Amino acid sequence: MALTAAVALAGCTSGTTEAAPDATGTTALNTTAPAAPDPSSTPTGRTPQGTLLVADFGGDTVTFVDPGRDGSGEGGAPIASVEVGTAPYGLVVGEDGRAWVATAEGVAVVDTQRRTRLGTIPYETETGPVTTGEYRGGGMGIALAPDGRHVYVGVNVPDGNGTVEVIDTATREVTGVADVGRRPFDVDVSPDGREVYATDHDSFDVTAVDADTLRTRRMEVAPYGTEGGLGSWLKPHYAVVRPEDGKLLLPFEGERLAVLDPRTGEVAIERMTANTHQHGATLAPDGTLLVVGTGPIGADDEAPSLTVRTPDGEERTVPLDGPHEDVAVSADGRTAYVTGGFTRDGYWNGITVVDLDDEKNEPVRLEAGNRPLGIAIL
């Protein structure tokens, strides 16, 4: 569940939705939010399984969202929000129900069952003043070790190389820091937990971190080359780790899929067909790759879409209404949830729900959160 944008894509301005804390420590959505579900079906007490959790980059909260009837988005609505810190980006949820949220000032820990914040773990990396926007310092990509004992968060340092910080989930303390490349948008972990991978957007590479020693090695992933440097759009964003062989899949521009072998550093290129700037990615249980197309950056690019790519490389694209950022998939592989909180103008405060089984069903737009980026299914 690891949870990126080109140099001009990761943030812009913060949103404007306001919220006020209630007596329980949660945050009720303001009057501009969609109406809550019917009281007879509104979850109370512990959070139901299947609830969606999004990181509100445009606010200081995470929002819990009822995904509607059978998870289809129909009839769904936000349940509540919890304050976590400035400009939350990525999040990950463990089997114990704790969510770890990468904010500008630290990693917030949230009890998702009771919908309360347990605390915030400050970064050891110096990131400068706490700010919002696309170039803000602080946590970006975040991942959980397979055994649940450690969280790994990519920390952006404005105008410099970033780090991966290691958090002990039992003590909630930072136990190590590894230097990585620039703007670690995404963080992933190998299936055996021995390596951590930071996708370094602004340095055109992936840093592999030994989980025991914190030794690092950098591997260039630049299928278009590195010309243009910081001003280039053609950089790695999100990655997923293929369970069967441990290789990393990094989509580029709806045209090329870079397949990185972390053992050798070699990159193979496979063709993609969406022809649109791409960000978030995840794997369905059957190995289907889902990739979010944010929309055009060039005159010949296509509109936003969700690419659905089977393990044998066959693709179809599902049109999306406006830019989106990240994607999660249900445990049965039948439904994709795509966050609308794109980090540039054009974002919207919600989730697009895509039926992966029936192509005839139109995507459902479900209002949720404040410029939601990272997403998890509880």
Protein backbone atom coordinates (compact mmCIF):
# COMPACT_ATOMS: atom_id res chain seq x y z
CA MET A 1 0.00 0.00 0.00
CA ALA A 2 2.57 2.44 -0.83
CA LEU A 3 1.45 5.56 -1.94
CA THR A 4 4.21 12.19 -7.13
CA ALA A 5 4.02 14.49 -9.69
CA ALA A 6 6.24 16.13 -12.30
CA VAL A 7 8.20 19.17 -11.26
CA ALA A 8 5.23 21.44 -11.75
CA LEU A 9 2.71 18.94 -10.50
CA ALA A 10 3.12 18.27 -6.82
CA GLY A 11 1.10 20.72 -4.82
CA CYS A 12 0.35 24.28 -6.00
CA THR A 13 -1.91 25.86 -3.41
CA SER A 14 -3.76 24.50 -0.43
CA GLY A 15 -7.53 24.07 -0.52
CA THR A 16 -10.05 26.25 1.24
CA THR A 17 -12.42 23.82 2.95
CA GLU A 18 -12.67 24.66 6.65
CA ALA A 19 -13.41 22.27 9.47
CA ALA A 20 -13.87 22.48 13.21
CA PRO A 21 -12.91 19.82 15.76
CA ASP A 22 -15.64 18.24 17.82
CA ALA A 23 -15.48 16.95 21.37
CA THR A 24 -14.20 13.53 20.32
CA GLY A 25 -11.13 14.90 18.53
CA THR A 26 -12.51 14.19 15.08
CA THR A 27 -13.28 16.96 12.65
CA ALA A 28 -16.75 17.40 11.25
CA LEU A 29 -16.94 18.45 7.62
CA ASN A 30 -18.20 21.97 6.99
CA THR A 31 -21.53 22.84 5.45
CA THR A 32 -20.11 22.83 1.93
CA ALA A 33 -19.45 19.10 2.16
CA PRO A 34 -22.00 16.63 0.82
CA ALA A 35 -24.75 15.52 3.16
CA ALA A 36 -23.95 12.57 5.41
CA PRO A 37 -25.55 9.19 4.66
CA ASP A 38 -28.96 8.44 6.08
CA PRO A 39 -28.66 8.24 9.90
CA SER A 40 -30.03 4.71 9.87
CA SER A 41 -26.99 3.58 7.89
CA THR A 42 -24.36 6.03 9.11
CA PRO A 43 -21.52 4.11 10.80
CA THR A 44 -21.12 4.88 14.49
CA GLY A 45 -18.49 3.76 16.95
CA ARG A 46 -15.86 1.67 15.17
CA THR A 47 -15.12 2.29 11.52
CA PRO A 48 -16.62 -0.38 9.21
CA GLN A 49 -14.42 -2.54 7.04
CA GLY A 50 -14.21 -1.22 3.49
CA THR A 51 -14.26 2.44 4.50
CA LEU A 52 -11.98 4.63 2.39
CA LEU A 53 -9.35 6.86 3.98
CA VAL A 54 -7.84 9.79 2.07
CA ALA A 55 -5.06 12.27 2.84
CA ASP A 56 -6.34 15.82 2.43
CA PHE A 57 -3.43 17.68 0.86
CA GLY A 58 -5.58 20.80 0.71
CA GLY A 59 -6.25 20.68 4.45
CA ASP A 60 -4.71 19.36 7.62
CA THR A 61 -6.85 16.23 7.84
CA VAL A 62 -7.54 12.72 6.72
CA THR A 63 -11.13 11.94 5.76
CA PHE A 64 -13.05 8.70 6.26
CA VAL A 65 -15.46 7.97 3.41
CA ASP A 66 -18.36 5.55 3.16
CA PRO A 67 -17.89 4.02 -0.34
CA GLY A 68 -21.63 3.51 -0.81
CA ARG A 69 -23.70 0.50 -1.76
CA ASP A 70 -21.46 -2.53 -2.33
CA GLY A 71 -18.51 -0.14 -2.57
CA SER A 72 -19.86 1.28 -5.82
CA GLY A 73 -19.82 4.94 -4.76
CA GLU A 74 -23.59 5.16 -5.10
CA GLY A 75 -25.03 6.71 -1.96
CA GLY A 76 -21.60 7.12 -0.37
CA ALA A 77 -20.38 10.18 1.51
CA PRO A 78 -17.73 11.37 3.95
CA ILE A 79 -18.13 10.13 7.53
CA ALA A 80 -15.68 12.30 9.48
CA SER A 81 -12.23 13.85 9.33
CA VAL A 82 -9.32 13.80 11.78
CA GLU A 83 -6.69 16.53 12.07
CA VAL A 84 -3.21 15.18 11.31
CA GLY A 85 -0.94 18.11 10.37
CA THR A 86 -0.03 20.36 7.47
CA ALA A 87 -0.56 19.19 3.88
CA PRO A 88 -0.79 15.39 4.31
CA TYR A 89 0.44 13.55 1.24
CA GLY A 90 0.78 9.76 1.39
CA LEU A 91 -0.62 7.31 3.91
CA VAL A 92 -0.47 3.61 4.71
CA VAL A 93 -2.57 1.44 7.04
CA GLY A 94 -1.36 -1.59 8.99
CA GLU A 95 -3.26 -4.72 9.95
CA ASP A 96 -3.66 -3.30 13.46
CA GLY A 97 -5.77 -0.46 12.04
CA ARG A 98 -3.23 2.28 12.61
CA ALA A 99 -2.75 4.72 9.74
CA TRP A 100 0.62 6.41 9.19
CA VAL A 101 0.24 9.73 7.42
CA ALA A 102 3.12 11.71 5.87
CA THR A 103 2.54 15.41 6.57
CA ALA A 104 4.78 18.44 6.18
CA GLU A 105 5.90 18.37 9.81
CA GLY A 106 5.93 14.69 10.76
CA VAL A 107 4.23 11.32 10.46
CA ALA A 108 0.84 11.37 12.14
CA VAL A 109 -0.48 8.15 13.66
CA VAL A 110 -4.25 7.63 13.49
CA ASP A 111 -6.40 4.97 15.13
CA THR A 112 -8.74 4.30 12.23
CA GLN A 113 -11.18 2.27 14.31
CA ARG A 114 -11.88 5.07 16.75
CA ARG A 115 -11.04 7.84 14.30
CA THR A 116 -8.60 9.66 16.57
CA ARG A 117 -5.02 10.89 16.17
CA LEU A 118 -2.62 9.12 18.53
CA GLY A 119 0.31 11.48 17.98
CA THR A 120 2.84 12.84 15.50
CA ILE A 121 6.44 11.70 15.00
CA PRO A 122 8.68 14.63 13.99
CA TYR A 123 11.24 14.16 11.23
CA GLU A 124 14.92 14.03 12.07
CA THR A 125 15.70 15.46 8.63
CA GLU A 126 15.86 19.26 8.54
CA THR A 127 13.31 20.40 5.95
CA GLY A 128 13.02 24.11 6.69
CA PRO A 129 9.83 26.01 7.57
CA VAL A 130 6.57 24.06 7.45
CA THR A 131 4.71 25.12 4.30
CA THR A 132 2.09 23.89 1.85
CA GLY A 133 2.19 23.67 -1.92
CA GLU A 134 3.85 21.52 -4.51
CA TYR A 135 7.43 21.99 -3.32
CA ARG A 136 6.77 21.80 0.41
CA GLY A 137 9.26 19.97 2.57
CA GLY A 138 8.37 16.94 4.64
CA GLY A 139 6.91 13.52 4.05
CA MET A 140 5.73 12.30 0.67
CA GLY A 141 5.77 8.59 -0.16
CA ILE A 142 5.29 6.17 2.74
CA ALA A 143 5.27 2.38 3.09
CA LEU A 144 4.96 -0.31 5.74
CA ALA A 145 7.29 -3.29 6.14
CA PRO A 146 5.63 -6.67 5.42
CA ASP A 147 5.92 -7.65 9.09
CA GLY A 148 4.46 -4.33 10.21
CA ARG A 149 7.42 -3.50 12.46
CA HIS A 150 8.68 -0.47 10.55
CA VAL A 151 7.31 2.40 8.53
CA TYR A 152 9.45 4.03 5.84
CA VAL A 153 8.74 7.62 4.82
CA GLY A 154 10.33 9.63 2.03
CA VAL A 155 11.19 13.12 3.27
CA ASN A 156 11.53 15.95 0.76
CA VAL A 157 14.19 18.57 1.41
CA PRO A 158 13.52 21.67 -0.73
CA ASP A 159 16.43 22.40 -3.08
CA GLY A 160 18.34 19.30 -2.02
CA ASN A 161 18.41 15.53 -1.80
CA GLY A 162 15.81 13.82 0.36
CA THR A 163 15.92 11.02 2.89
CA VAL A 164 14.07 7.90 3.90
CA GLU A 165 13.36 7.83 7.63
CA VAL A 166 12.71 4.55 9.44
CA ILE A 167 10.07 4.50 12.18
CA ASP A 168 9.70 1.70 14.72
CA THR A 169 5.94 1.08 14.86
CA ALA A 170 6.08 -0.21 18.44
CA THR A 171 7.92 2.75 19.97
CA ARG A 172 6.81 5.34 17.37
CA GLU A 173 10.36 6.66 17.14
CA VAL A 174 12.68 7.34 14.20
CA THR A 175 15.42 4.69 14.35
CA GLY A 176 17.39 5.49 11.19
CA VAL A 177 17.81 7.87 8.26
CA ALA A 178 19.09 7.04 4.77
CA ASP A 179 20.06 9.58 2.12
CA VAL A 180 18.18 9.23 -1.18
CA GLY A 181 17.58 11.35 -4.29
CA ARG A 182 15.52 14.47 -4.84
CA ARG A 183 11.83 14.57 -3.91
CA PRO A 184 11.04 10.96 -2.94
CA PHE A 185 7.47 10.93 -4.21
CA ASP A 186 6.87 7.24 -3.62
CA VAL A 187 8.27 4.61 -1.27
CA ASP A 188 7.89 0.85 -1.71
CA VAL A 189 9.23 -2.25 0.02
CA SER A 190 10.46 -5.52 -1.50
CA PRO A 191 8.23 -8.56 -0.93
CA ASP A 192 10.75 -10.02 1.53
CA GLY A 193 11.16 -6.73 3.38
CA ARG A 194 14.91 -6.59 2.84
CA GLU A 195 14.96 -3.47 0.66
CA VAL A 196 13.12 -0.17 0.57
CA TYR A 197 12.76 1.76 -2.69
CA ALA A 198 12.43 5.54 -2.94
CA THR A 199 11.26 6.87 -6.29
CA ASP A 200 13.34 10.04 -6.61
CA HIS A 201 11.34 12.25 -8.94
CA ASP A 202 13.74 15.14 -9.46
CA SER A 203 16.89 13.04 -9.84
CA PHE A 204 15.47 10.57 -12.40
CA ASP A 205 16.25 7.52 -10.29
CA VAL A 206 15.25 5.00 -7.67
CA THR A 207 17.25 4.58 -4.46
CA ALA A 208 17.39 1.10 -2.97
CA VAL A 209 17.91 1.14 0.82
CA ASP A 210 19.05 -1.96 2.68
CA ALA A 211 16.49 -2.32 5.47
CA ASP A 212 19.09 -3.65 7.95
CA THR A 213 22.18 -1.56 7.25
CA LEU A 214 20.58 1.47 5.54
CA ARG A 215 23.24 1.31 2.84
CA THR A 216 21.99 2.78 -0.42
CA ARG A 217 22.48 2.48 -4.16
CA ARG A 218 20.96 4.69 -6.84
CA MET A 219 19.58 3.34 -10.11
CA GLU A 220 18.73 5.69 -12.98
CA VAL A 221 15.24 5.27 -14.46
CA ALA A 222 15.00 7.73 -17.34
CA PRO A 223 13.47 6.20 -20.49
CA TYR A 224 13.36 9.68 -22.08
CA GLY A 225 16.79 10.70 -20.83
CA THR A 226 17.52 13.43 -18.27
CA GLU A 227 17.61 16.45 -20.56
CA GLY A 228 15.85 19.41 -19.00
CA GLY A 229 16.86 18.54 -15.45
CA LEU A 230 14.54 19.98 -12.83
CA GLY A 231 12.33 21.48 -15.53
CA SER A 232 11.62 18.17 -17.22
CA TRP A 233 8.21 16.52 -17.09
CA LEU A 234 9.60 13.13 -18.06
CA LYS A 235 10.49 11.79 -14.63
CA PRO A 236 9.53 8.80 -12.48
CA HIS A 237 6.52 9.33 -10.24
CA TYR A 238 4.98 6.28 -8.58
CA ALA A 239 6.19 2.67 -8.67
CA VAL A 240 4.75 -0.70 -7.73
CA VAL A 241 6.69 -3.83 -6.85
CA ARG A 242 5.67 -6.97 -8.74
CA PRO A 243 5.36 -9.72 -6.12
CA GLU A 244 6.43 -12.65 -8.27
CA ASP A 245 9.87 -11.30 -9.21
CA GLY A 246 10.42 -8.17 -7.10
CA LYS A 247 10.80 -5.91 -10.14
CA LEU A 248 9.55 -2.33 -10.01
CA LEU A 249 7.02 -1.08 -12.54
CA LEU A 250 7.21 2.65 -13.28
CA PRO A 251 4.80 4.12 -15.86
CA PHE A 252 5.81 7.11 -17.99
CA GLU A 253 3.46 9.34 -19.98
CA GLY A 254 1.07 6.58 -21.01
CA GLU A 255 3.72 5.56 -23.51
CA ARG A 256 6.40 3.55 -21.71
CA LEU A 257 6.46 1.20 -18.75
CA ALA A 258 9.92 1.02 -17.20
CA VAL A 259 10.54 -2.38 -15.58
CA LEU A 260 13.45 -2.02 -13.14
CA ASP A 261 15.29 -5.07 -11.85
CA PRO A 262 16.65 -3.83 -8.50
CA ARG A 263 19.19 -6.65 -8.32
CA THR A 264 21.02 -5.48 -11.43
CA GLY A 265 19.78 -1.93 -11.98
CA GLU A 266 18.77 -2.85 -15.52
CA VAL A 267 15.65 -1.26 -17.01
CA ALA A 268 13.48 -2.85 -19.70
CA ILE A 269 10.87 -0.78 -21.54
CA GLU A 270 7.38 -1.99 -22.48
CA ARG A 271 4.86 -0.07 -24.57
CA MET A 272 1.85 1.68 -23.02
CA THR A 273 -1.08 3.21 -24.89
CA ALA A 274 -2.89 5.93 -22.88
CA ASN A 275 -0.63 8.77 -24.11
CA THR A 276 -1.23 10.96 -21.06
CA HIS A 277 0.89 12.18 -18.15
CA GLN A 278 0.78 9.48 -15.44
CA HIS A 279 1.04 9.49 -11.66
CA GLY A 280 -0.43 6.98 -9.18
CA ALA A 281 -0.21 3.23 -9.69
CA THR A 282 -1.22 0.04 -7.89
CA LEU A 283 -1.60 -3.67 -8.54
CA ALA A 284 -4.86 -5.59 -8.28
CA PRO A 285 -4.76 -9.03 -6.63
CA ASP A 286 -4.60 -10.77 -10.03
CA GLY A 287 -1.59 -8.69 -11.13
CA THR A 288 -3.54 -6.15 -13.17
CA LEU A 289 -1.71 -2.82 -13.15
CA LEU A 290 -3.79 0.33 -12.62
CA VAL A 291 -2.24 3.68 -13.54
CA VAL A 292 -3.72 7.16 -13.14
CA GLY A 293 -3.44 9.44 -16.16
CA THR A 294 -3.56 13.06 -14.99
CA GLY A 295 -4.12 14.64 -18.37
CA PRO A 296 -2.07 16.34 -21.10
CA ILE A 297 1.21 18.16 -20.72
CA GLY A 298 1.75 18.45 -24.47
CA ALA A 299 -0.43 19.38 -27.42
CA ASP A 300 -0.70 15.79 -28.62
CA ASP A 301 -1.48 14.21 -25.24
CA GLU A 302 -4.78 12.60 -24.40
CA ALA A 303 -7.20 13.47 -21.57
CA PRO A 304 -7.13 12.03 -18.02
CA SER A 305 -7.78 8.32 -17.73
CA LEU A 306 -7.26 5.17 -15.71
CA THR A 307 -5.16 2.56 -17.50
CA VAL A 308 -6.13 -1.05 -16.75
CA ARG A 309 -3.24 -3.26 -17.88
CA THR A 310 -3.41 -7.05 -17.59
CA PRO A 311 -0.29 -9.07 -16.67
CA ASP A 312 0.16 -10.02 -20.33
CA GLY A 313 0.30 -6.34 -21.36
CA GLU A 314 -3.18 -5.83 -22.80
CA GLU A 315 -4.58 -2.40 -21.95
CA ARG A 316 -7.83 -0.51 -21.85
CA THR A 317 -8.32 3.07 -20.69
CA VAL A 318 -11.22 4.41 -18.66
CA PRO A 319 -11.83 8.15 -19.24
CA LEU A 320 -11.76 10.31 -16.11
CA ASP A 321 -13.44 13.68 -15.65
CA GLY A 322 -10.51 15.97 -14.85
CA PRO A 323 -7.06 15.34 -13.37
CA HIS A 324 -6.62 12.72 -10.63
CA GLU A 325 -3.66 11.60 -8.52
CA ASP A 326 -3.59 8.16 -6.87
CA VAL A 327 -5.50 4.88 -6.91
CA ALA A 328 -6.42 2.00 -4.61
CA VAL A 329 -8.17 -1.24 -5.53
CA SER A 330 -10.63 -3.33 -3.55
CA ALA A 331 -9.53 -6.68 -2.09
CA ASP A 332 -11.61 -8.57 -4.65
CA GLY A 333 -10.07 -6.59 -7.53
CA ARG A 334 -13.46 -5.46 -8.82
CA THR A 335 -13.38 -1.75 -7.96
CA ALA A 336 -10.81 1.04 -8.27
CA TYR A 337 -10.91 4.26 -6.25
CA VAL A 338 -9.08 7.20 -7.87
CA THR A 339 -8.41 10.37 -5.87
CA GLY A 340 -9.33 13.67 -7.51
CA GLY A 341 -6.98 15.84 -5.48
CA PHE A 342 -4.48 16.44 -8.25
CA THR A 343 -1.73 18.77 -7.09
CA ARG A 344 -2.19 21.35 -9.84
CA ASP A 345 -5.24 23.41 -10.74
CA GLY A 346 -8.16 21.33 -11.95
CA TYR A 347 -8.35 19.07 -8.92
CA TRP A 348 -11.65 18.27 -7.24
CA ASN A 349 -12.54 17.19 -3.71
CA GLY A 350 -13.52 13.62 -4.30
CA ILE A 351 -12.93 10.10 -5.56
CA THR A 352 -13.86 8.52 -8.87
CA VAL A 353 -15.11 4.96 -8.43
CA VAL A 354 -14.43 2.67 -11.40
CA ASP A 355 -16.11 -0.71 -11.90
CA LEU A 356 -13.31 -2.93 -13.22
CA ASP A 357 -15.62 -5.87 -13.95
CA ASP A 358 -18.22 -4.21 -16.14
CA GLU A 359 -16.91 -1.76 -18.74
CA LYS A 360 -20.45 -0.58 -19.46
CA ASN A 361 -20.84 0.97 -16.00
CA GLU A 362 -19.92 4.63 -15.98
CA PRO A 363 -17.50 5.81 -13.26
CA VAL A 364 -19.18 7.29 -10.17
CA ARG A 365 -17.95 10.55 -8.64
CA LEU A 366 -17.96 10.45 -4.84
CA GLU A 367 -17.28 13.66 -2.91
CA ALA A 368 -14.57 13.14 -0.32
CA GLY A 369 -12.04 15.23 1.54
CA ASN A 370 -10.08 18.35 0.63
CA ARG A 371 -7.81 17.82 -2.40
CA PRO A 372 -7.36 14.12 -1.55
CA LEU A 373 -4.08 12.53 -2.67
CA GLY A 374 -3.10 9.32 -0.88
CA ILE A 375 -5.79 6.69 -0.37
CA ALA A 376 -6.22 3.42 1.50
CA ILE A 377 -9.06 0.95 1.98
CA LEU A 378 -9.72 -0.05 5.60
